[in-house]
Protein backbone atom coordinates (compact mmCIF):
# COMPACT_ATOMS: atom_id res chain seq x y z
CA MET A 1 0.22 0.11 -0.19
CA VAL A 2 2.97 2.44 0.81
CA VAL A 3 4.81 1.65 -2.43
CA GLN A 4 1.01 2.52 -4.75
CA LEU A 5 0.58 5.62 -2.51
CA ASP A 6 4.69 6.57 -3.46
CA SER A 7 3.91 5.61 -6.85
CA VAL A 8 0.68 8.00 -7.19
CA PHE A 9 2.32 11.06 -5.77
CA LEU A 10 5.68 10.94 -7.49
CA ARG A 11 3.41 10.82 -10.79
CA ALA A 12 1.56 13.93 -9.65
CA LEU A 13 4.81 15.78 -8.77
CA SER A 14 6.59 14.45 -12.68
CA SER A 15 3.47 16.36 -13.66
CA SER A 16 2.24 19.94 -14.04
CA ASP A 17 -0.50 18.93 -11.72
CA LEU A 18 0.37 19.65 -8.10
CA PRO A 19 -1.95 18.69 -5.89
CA MET A 20 -3.63 21.38 -3.67
CA LYS A 21 -5.74 20.74 -0.51
CA ILE A 22 -8.19 23.33 0.51
CA GLU A 23 -7.94 24.32 4.12
CA ALA A 24 -9.76 27.14 4.68
CA ILE A 25 -11.63 30.20 2.86
CA THR A 26 -11.82 33.38 4.34
CA LEU A 27 -14.45 35.90 2.82
CA TYR A 28 -13.85 39.85 3.20
CA GLU A 29 -15.90 42.67 2.53
CA ILE A 30 -14.35 46.38 2.19
CA GLN A 31 -15.50 49.41 1.65
CA MET A 32 -14.07 51.90 -0.96
CA PRO A 33 -14.86 55.25 -2.17
CA LEU A 34 -14.65 56.07 -6.12
CA VAL A 35 -12.88 58.94 -6.96
CA HIS A 36 -15.70 59.83 -9.07
CA PHE A 37 -19.41 59.05 -9.03
CA PHE A 38 -20.35 56.33 -12.18
CA GLU A 39 -23.70 56.52 -13.31
CA THR A 40 -25.49 53.94 -15.58
CA SER A 41 -29.46 53.16 -16.64
CA PHE A 42 -29.40 51.19 -12.91
CA GLY A 43 -28.26 54.73 -10.92
CA ARG A 44 -25.38 56.49 -9.71
CA THR A 45 -22.79 54.67 -7.13
CA TYR A 46 -20.39 56.89 -5.39
CA ASP A 47 -18.34 53.88 -3.34
CA ARG A 48 -18.24 50.19 -3.70
CA ARG A 49 -18.89 47.72 -1.39
CA ILE A 50 -16.27 45.35 -2.79
CA PHE A 51 -16.26 41.20 -1.88
CA LEU A 52 -13.04 39.35 -1.40
CA VAL A 53 -12.29 35.65 -1.30
CA LYS A 54 -8.70 34.55 -0.14
CA ILE A 55 -8.12 30.61 -0.22
CA ASP A 56 -5.80 28.89 1.86
CA CYS A 57 -3.95 25.48 -0.18
CA ASP A 58 -1.26 24.24 1.62
CA GLY A 59 0.59 27.34 2.78
CA ILE A 60 -0.18 29.05 -0.35
CA SER A 61 -3.74 31.74 -0.32
CA GLY A 62 -5.08 32.33 -3.62
CA TRP A 63 -7.01 35.83 -3.94
CA ALA A 64 -10.23 36.84 -6.29
CA GLU A 65 -12.89 39.51 -5.79
CA CYS A 66 -16.67 38.78 -6.08
CA VAL A 67 -18.08 41.01 -8.58
CA ALA A 68 -21.66 40.46 -7.76
CA GLY A 69 -22.92 44.64 -6.91
CA GLU A 70 -24.54 45.91 -3.88
CA ASN A 71 -27.80 45.51 -5.10
CA PRO A 72 -29.89 43.01 -7.57
CA PHE A 73 -29.44 45.23 -11.14
CA TYR A 74 -27.33 44.12 -13.31
CA SER A 75 -27.83 40.71 -12.46
CA SER A 76 -29.95 39.16 -9.98
CA GLU A 77 -26.52 38.25 -7.94
CA TRP A 78 -26.03 40.35 -5.47
CA LEU A 79 -23.61 40.36 -2.76
CA GLU A 80 -25.66 39.59 -0.21
CA SER A 81 -26.74 36.31 -1.83
CA ALA A 82 -23.16 35.74 -2.94
CA TRP A 83 -21.97 35.80 0.63
CA PRO A 84 -24.22 32.83 1.93
CA THR A 85 -24.21 30.89 -1.09
CA ILE A 86 -20.85 30.36 -0.61
CA LYS A 87 -20.90 30.00 3.12
CA HIS A 88 -23.57 27.43 3.09
CA PHE A 89 -23.01 25.81 -0.16
CA LEU A 90 -19.84 26.49 -2.22
CA ALA A 91 -17.46 26.72 0.55
CA PRO A 92 -18.31 22.98 1.90
CA ALA A 93 -18.40 21.86 -1.05
CA LEU A 94 -14.53 22.42 -1.85
CA LEU A 95 -13.16 22.83 1.66
CA GLY A 96 -11.05 19.12 2.66
CA ARG A 97 -10.56 18.33 -0.92
CA ILE A 98 -7.14 17.90 -2.89
CA LEU A 99 -7.13 19.13 -6.41
CA ALA A 100 -4.57 18.46 -9.00
CA LYS A 101 -5.93 22.03 -10.88
CA ALA A 102 -8.05 25.10 -9.88
CA SER A 103 -10.50 23.68 -12.90
CA GLU A 104 -11.44 20.68 -11.03
CA SER A 105 -13.43 22.80 -8.44
CA VAL A 106 -16.08 23.48 -11.15
CA PRO A 107 -18.08 20.25 -11.22
CA LEU A 108 -17.79 20.31 -7.10
CA MET A 109 -19.64 23.22 -7.22
CA ALA A 110 -22.46 22.11 -9.79
CA HIS A 111 -24.91 21.24 -7.62
CA VAL A 112 -25.92 24.73 -7.26
CA ARG A 113 -27.31 26.79 -9.88
CA GLY A 114 -26.31 29.75 -11.40
CA HIS A 115 -24.80 31.94 -8.61
CA ARG A 116 -22.00 32.21 -11.09
CA MET A 117 -20.28 34.94 -9.90
CA ALA A 118 -19.52 33.34 -6.19
CA LYS A 119 -18.50 30.19 -7.92
CA ALA A 120 -16.33 32.50 -10.21
CA ALA A 121 -14.39 34.04 -7.22
CA LEU A 122 -13.75 30.62 -5.78
CA GLU A 123 -12.72 29.12 -8.67
CA ASN A 124 -10.61 32.44 -9.75
CA ALA A 125 -9.26 32.02 -5.86
CA LEU A 126 -7.75 28.37 -6.85
CA TRP A 127 -6.58 29.84 -10.17
CA ASP A 128 -4.33 32.66 -8.73
CA ALA A 129 -3.23 29.56 -5.75
CA GLU A 130 -2.44 26.92 -8.82
CA ALA A 131 -0.39 29.89 -10.64
CA LYS A 132 1.60 30.78 -7.12
CA GLN A 133 2.38 27.02 -6.59
CA LYS A 134 3.42 25.90 -10.09
CA GLN A 135 5.32 29.52 -10.04
CA GLN A 136 4.06 31.03 -13.58
CA PRO A 137 1.91 33.80 -14.10
CA LEU A 138 -1.67 33.61 -14.07
CA TRP A 139 -1.96 34.40 -17.61
CA LYS A 140 0.19 32.21 -18.97
CA LEU A 141 -1.16 29.14 -17.18
CA LEU A 142 -4.58 30.23 -18.49
CA GLY A 143 -3.31 30.05 -22.26
CA GLY A 144 -2.52 34.03 -22.79
CA LYS A 145 -0.35 35.07 -25.17
CA GLN A 146 -0.55 39.08 -25.74
CA ARG A 147 2.19 40.59 -23.46
CA GLU A 148 0.65 44.13 -23.66
CA ILE A 149 -3.01 44.44 -23.96
CA PRO A 150 -4.89 47.39 -25.19
CA CYS A 151 -6.91 49.62 -22.60
CA GLY A 152 -10.37 51.30 -23.04
CA VAL A 153 -12.73 53.38 -20.78
CA SER A 154 -16.05 53.33 -19.51
CA ILE A 155 -17.70 56.66 -18.97
CA GLY A 156 -20.77 56.76 -17.01
CA ILE A 157 -23.52 59.47 -17.24
CA GLN A 158 -22.63 62.63 -16.41
CA ASP A 159 -24.69 65.78 -15.14
CA SER A 160 -24.37 68.01 -18.49
CA ILE A 161 -22.56 66.82 -21.88
CA ASP A 162 -20.09 69.30 -21.25
CA LEU A 163 -18.75 67.40 -18.58
CA LEU A 164 -19.00 64.52 -20.36
CA LEU A 165 -16.67 65.90 -23.02
CA ASP A 166 -14.04 67.13 -20.48
CA LYS A 167 -14.13 63.44 -19.34
CA ILE A 168 -13.38 62.08 -22.78
CA GLN A 169 -10.63 64.69 -23.60
CA THR A 170 -8.96 63.71 -19.97
CA GLU A 171 -9.37 59.97 -20.87
CA LEU A 172 -8.11 60.46 -24.87
CA ALA A 173 -5.13 62.42 -23.26
CA ALA A 174 -4.16 59.65 -21.11
CA GLY A 175 -3.90 57.52 -24.42
CA TYR A 176 -7.00 55.32 -24.06
CA ARG A 177 -7.29 53.76 -27.09
CA ARG A 178 -11.60 53.25 -27.23
CA ILE A 179 -13.90 55.49 -25.22
CA LYS A 180 -17.09 53.95 -24.07
CA VAL A 181 -20.32 55.75 -22.73
CA LYS A 182 -23.62 54.87 -21.19
CA VAL A 183 -26.84 55.75 -22.98
CA LYS A 184 -30.25 55.08 -21.81
CA PRO A 185 -33.48 57.26 -23.36
CA GLY A 186 -32.71 60.65 -23.35
CA TRP A 187 -29.46 60.27 -22.94
CA ASP A 188 -28.13 59.25 -26.12
CA VAL A 189 -28.68 60.53 -30.04
CA ASN A 190 -28.05 64.45 -28.56
CA VAL A 191 -24.82 62.85 -26.84
CA LEU A 192 -23.57 60.77 -29.49
CA GLU A 193 -23.95 63.83 -31.56
CA ARG A 194 -22.14 66.41 -29.49
CA ILE A 195 -18.93 63.42 -28.99
CA ARG A 196 -18.90 62.75 -32.93
CA SER A 197 -18.82 66.17 -34.02
CA ARG A 198 -15.86 66.85 -31.47
CA TRP A 199 -14.45 63.87 -32.36
CA PRO A 200 -15.23 62.27 -35.47
CA GLU A 201 -12.49 59.55 -35.89
CA ILE A 202 -12.35 58.26 -32.25
CA LEU A 203 -12.82 54.32 -31.64
CA LEU A 204 -16.55 54.77 -29.47
CA SER A 205 -19.13 52.69 -28.25
CA CYS A 206 -22.33 52.83 -26.45
CA ASP A 207 -23.21 50.78 -23.76
CA ALA A 208 -27.36 50.83 -23.02
CA ASN A 209 -27.62 48.35 -19.89
CA SER A 210 -30.72 46.89 -21.38
CA ALA A 211 -32.44 50.69 -21.29
CA TYR A 212 -34.57 49.67 -24.72
CA THR A 213 -37.02 47.65 -26.02
CA LEU A 214 -37.83 46.52 -29.61
CA ASP A 215 -40.41 48.94 -29.90
CA GLN A 216 -37.49 51.34 -30.41
CA ILE A 217 -36.08 49.93 -33.03
CA GLU A 218 -36.40 53.31 -35.07
CA HIS A 219 -34.81 55.32 -32.52
CA LEU A 220 -32.06 52.87 -32.43
CA ARG A 221 -30.98 53.10 -36.08
CA LYS A 222 -29.78 56.25 -35.60
CA PHE A 223 -27.40 55.26 -33.66
CA ASP A 224 -25.78 53.79 -37.01
CA GLN A 225 -24.98 58.07 -37.98
CA PHE A 226 -22.41 57.78 -35.54
CA ASN A 227 -19.61 55.13 -36.68
CA LEU A 228 -19.81 53.10 -33.53
CA LEU A 229 -17.85 50.15 -32.88
CA MET A 230 -20.72 48.73 -31.09
CA ILE A 231 -24.06 48.97 -28.73
CA GLU A 232 -23.94 46.88 -26.06
CA GLN A 233 -26.77 45.16 -24.60
CA PRO A 234 -29.70 47.48 -26.03
CA LEU A 235 -32.08 44.93 -25.08
CA TRP A 236 -33.34 42.76 -22.26
CA ASP A 237 -30.53 41.33 -19.97
CA ASP A 238 -31.86 37.85 -20.94
CA ASP A 239 -32.92 38.14 -24.32
CA ILE A 240 -30.84 36.51 -27.38
CA TYR A 241 -33.95 35.96 -30.09
CA ASN A 242 -35.20 39.69 -29.98
CA HIS A 243 -31.10 41.03 -30.23
CA SER A 244 -31.17 39.00 -33.46
CA ARG A 245 -33.85 40.67 -35.03
CA LEU A 246 -32.86 44.26 -34.17
CA GLN A 247 -29.20 43.64 -35.26
CA GLN A 248 -31.10 42.50 -38.71
CA LYS A 249 -32.05 46.33 -38.49
CA LEU A 250 -28.81 47.83 -37.75
CA ARG A 251 -25.77 48.73 -39.34
CA THR A 252 -23.91 48.97 -36.14
CA PRO A 253 -22.58 45.76 -34.07
CA ILE A 254 -24.58 44.45 -31.02
CA CYS A 255 -22.26 43.70 -28.59
CA LEU A 256 -23.64 41.29 -25.84
CA ASP A 257 -23.21 41.26 -22.18
CA GLU A 258 -25.32 40.19 -19.68
CA SER A 259 -27.29 37.88 -21.61
CA ILE A 260 -24.18 35.77 -22.36
CA ARG A 261 -24.08 33.38 -19.45
CA HIS A 262 -21.82 30.75 -20.47
CA THR A 263 -20.79 28.95 -23.44
CA ARG A 264 -24.18 27.41 -24.74
CA ASP A 265 -25.45 31.49 -24.89
CA ALA A 266 -22.30 32.31 -26.69
CA ALA A 267 -22.76 29.51 -29.67
CA GLN A 268 -26.30 30.09 -29.49
CA ALA A 269 -26.19 33.65 -29.90
CA ILE A 270 -23.43 33.67 -32.95
CA GLU A 271 -25.66 31.20 -34.64
CA ILE A 272 -28.98 33.56 -34.79
CA GLY A 273 -27.09 36.32 -35.85
CA ALA A 274 -27.64 38.20 -32.22
CA CYS A 275 -24.03 39.79 -31.98
CA ARG A 276 -20.87 40.43 -33.48
CA ILE A 277 -19.12 40.94 -30.65
CA ILE A 278 -19.27 39.36 -27.23
CA ASN A 279 -17.92 41.08 -24.12
CA ILE A 280 -16.61 38.37 -21.69
CA LYS A 281 -16.35 39.11 -18.04
CA VAL A 282 -15.35 36.27 -16.23
CA GLY A 283 -17.33 36.68 -13.09
CA ARG A 284 -20.50 36.59 -15.11
CA VAL A 285 -19.74 33.83 -16.86
CA GLY A 286 -18.92 31.29 -13.75
CA GLY A 287 -14.97 32.19 -14.11
CA PHE A 288 -11.95 31.21 -15.99
CA THR A 289 -12.84 27.76 -16.88
CA GLU A 290 -16.04 28.61 -18.71
CA ALA A 291 -14.71 32.28 -20.46
CA ARG A 292 -11.75 30.50 -21.87
CA LYS A 293 -14.63 28.55 -23.38
CA VAL A 294 -16.51 31.23 -24.06
CA HIS A 295 -13.60 32.98 -25.78
CA ASP A 296 -12.92 30.09 -28.12
CA VAL A 297 -16.25 29.55 -29.38
CA CYS A 298 -16.01 32.82 -30.20
CA ALA A 299 -12.75 32.60 -31.82
CA ALA A 300 -13.61 29.48 -33.61
CA GLN A 301 -16.25 31.94 -35.33
CA LYS A 302 -14.14 34.57 -35.94
CA ILE A 303 -15.86 36.57 -33.38
CA PRO A 304 -14.05 39.45 -31.33
CA VAL A 305 -14.03 39.62 -27.77
CA TRP A 306 -13.09 41.90 -25.13
CA CYS A 307 -13.00 41.92 -21.24
CA GLY A 308 -15.53 44.05 -19.51
CA GLY A 309 -15.02 45.67 -16.09
CA MET A 310 -17.41 45.61 -13.14
CA LEU A 311 -15.68 48.76 -10.99
CA GLU A 312 -12.98 46.08 -9.55
CA SER A 313 -11.13 46.49 -7.18
CA GLY A 314 -7.04 45.78 -7.87
CA VAL A 315 -7.50 41.90 -7.34
CA GLY A 316 -10.05 41.33 -9.99
CA ARG A 317 -8.53 44.36 -12.14
CA ALA A 318 -5.47 41.88 -12.44
CA HIS A 319 -7.78 38.60 -13.08
CA ASN A 320 -9.64 40.86 -15.91
CA ILE A 321 -5.66 41.22 -17.45
CA ALA A 322 -4.87 38.00 -16.87
CA LEU A 323 -7.73 37.00 -19.34
CA SER A 324 -6.80 39.78 -21.88
CA THR A 325 -4.36 38.24 -22.95
CA LEU A 326 -5.87 35.15 -24.63
CA GLU A 327 -5.30 35.49 -28.20
CA ASN A 328 -9.16 36.66 -29.28
CA PHE A 329 -9.08 39.83 -26.86
CA HIS A 330 -8.67 42.05 -30.07
CA LEU A 331 -10.56 44.99 -28.81
CA PRO A 332 -10.20 47.47 -26.29
CA GLY A 333 -11.84 46.39 -22.93
CA ASP A 334 -12.55 48.27 -19.98
CA VAL A 335 -9.42 47.23 -18.00
CA SER A 336 -8.03 50.53 -17.00
CA ALA A 337 -5.78 51.92 -14.22
CA SER A 338 -6.22 52.05 -10.57
CA LYS A 339 -6.12 55.98 -10.22
CA ARG A 340 -9.13 55.93 -12.36
CA TYR A 341 -11.20 54.69 -9.64
CA TRP A 342 -9.52 54.66 -6.46
CA LYS A 343 -7.21 57.06 -4.15
CA GLU A 344 -5.70 53.69 -2.78
CA ASP A 345 -5.66 50.41 -4.50
CA ILE A 346 -5.31 46.97 -2.69
CA ILE A 347 -2.50 45.78 -4.62
CA GLU A 348 1.10 46.52 -5.47
CA PRO A 349 1.87 47.80 -7.69
CA GLU A 350 -1.36 49.21 -8.77
CA VAL A 351 -2.74 49.05 -12.37
CA GLU A 352 -1.09 51.57 -14.42
CA VAL A 353 -1.46 52.26 -18.09
CA THR A 354 1.45 53.49 -20.51
CA PRO A 355 0.62 56.60 -22.70
CA GLN A 356 -0.07 54.41 -25.66
CA GLY A 357 -3.21 53.10 -23.94
CA THR A 358 -1.79 49.60 -22.89
CA ILE A 359 -0.95 47.72 -19.87
CA VAL A 360 2.02 45.84 -19.87
CA VAL A 361 1.20 42.02 -18.17
CA ARG A 362 3.25 41.29 -15.37
CA ASP A 363 5.52 38.03 -14.96
CA GLY A 364 5.28 37.42 -11.60
CA PRO A 365 3.88 33.92 -9.79
CA GLY A 366 -0.27 34.24 -10.02
CA ALA A 367 -2.17 37.24 -10.93
CA GLY A 368 1.31 39.58 -10.76
CA TYR A 369 0.70 41.81 -8.23
CA ARG A 370 0.85 41.82 -4.25
CA VAL A 371 -2.62 41.87 -2.47
CA ARG A 372 -2.23 44.22 0.55
CA GLU A 373 -3.63 42.19 3.01
CA ASP A 374 -2.72 45.09 5.68
CA LEU A 375 -5.07 47.78 3.92
CA ILE A 376 -7.58 44.85 3.18
CA GLU A 377 -7.61 44.18 7.43
CA LYS A 378 -7.77 48.06 8.18
CA LEU A 379 -10.79 48.74 5.66
CA ALA A 380 -12.77 45.59 6.05
CA VAL A 381 -16.43 45.70 7.59
CA ARG A 382 -17.36 42.19 7.20
CA LYS A 383 -14.54 39.28 7.80
CA GLU A 384 -15.49 34.96 8.02
CA THR A 385 -13.47 32.54 7.80
CA ILE A 386 -14.73 28.81 6.65
CA ARG A 387 -12.62 25.80 7.41
CA GLY A 388 -12.54 22.20 6.60
CA LYS A 389 -13.01 18.86 7.78
CA SER A 390 -9.72 16.73 7.83
CA ALA A 391 -8.79 16.96 4.00
CA GLN A 392 -10.15 13.51 1.63
CA ALA A 393 -8.68 13.11 -1.74
CA HIS A 394 -10.63 13.53 -4.87
């Protein structure tokens, strides 16, 4: 029996899959004020309640961010649903397990339906831990190829168009390669007209966050005159079919965001012509494993993808950078500098954007940035550690 155990262990060591024992999962809620408020069709946000997850595996800590919002507006999932779901259902499914790699956590959590943002936080923390254990950058472990990623910015609804134009000027001067503005009925065509009259050639897109309905087709067709890169999620958040009907009427490419929950959604949307671009948010689709599958389906069908943002802290931002190194991320994403959002971020160094509007990918083990645990402890308004029973091989 001893010989058999040793041979199994040696085979594991000889491969790239070193076992990880999940010993403890710690949940943190911290509060961070935004440098500037951020407004979408859902409302205005001045500060963020941020949900962080740390997983301890054999002396290595992996970190991730649960991107569920403060309220169930963008998604039915929100912070106060994600926390108990992790505590009572997902964490117990993982604690005490021995995994060869992070992706093995996915089937262990599959008995819980939905709750993709909660699942993503746990899986992504394990990817960080696995990369650290293997002394690899997370982006390489994911299969990334790009050493430098192009960056765009998302600018929320402002108190006036003039203020919006000032913000756009600031971001263009900082080198950002794509400007995305939030729109909603009453804040759309007139805004786009003013932007295009001042900057006829910039790469410009807009994001509706489901603010329109199919009976507004004629209004939405007015967007075609502005030579937009895309209009993101104009119709219902759970809809694919009606977006295909709308796309037939528009020259402007539709980009789907909220509708794409997993690979099957992406495949269906592409097949019926519901979009020409897809936004991949790693939390929205349930973690890195599913995000890579969505990426691959889009790449096979020559549908470009880009990485959307969820007002993440540096922890989530670092994961977005790693994801954006995959080959089919051709378009500038919403992965911008820490200083655009936070006076002080919770990672070192903070995320910086070059004058050319790119982020240079870091080569350190894991996500490549040091998590400032001391600052997280200082900012924490809630903390809970869940420990497992004695580990069982899996």
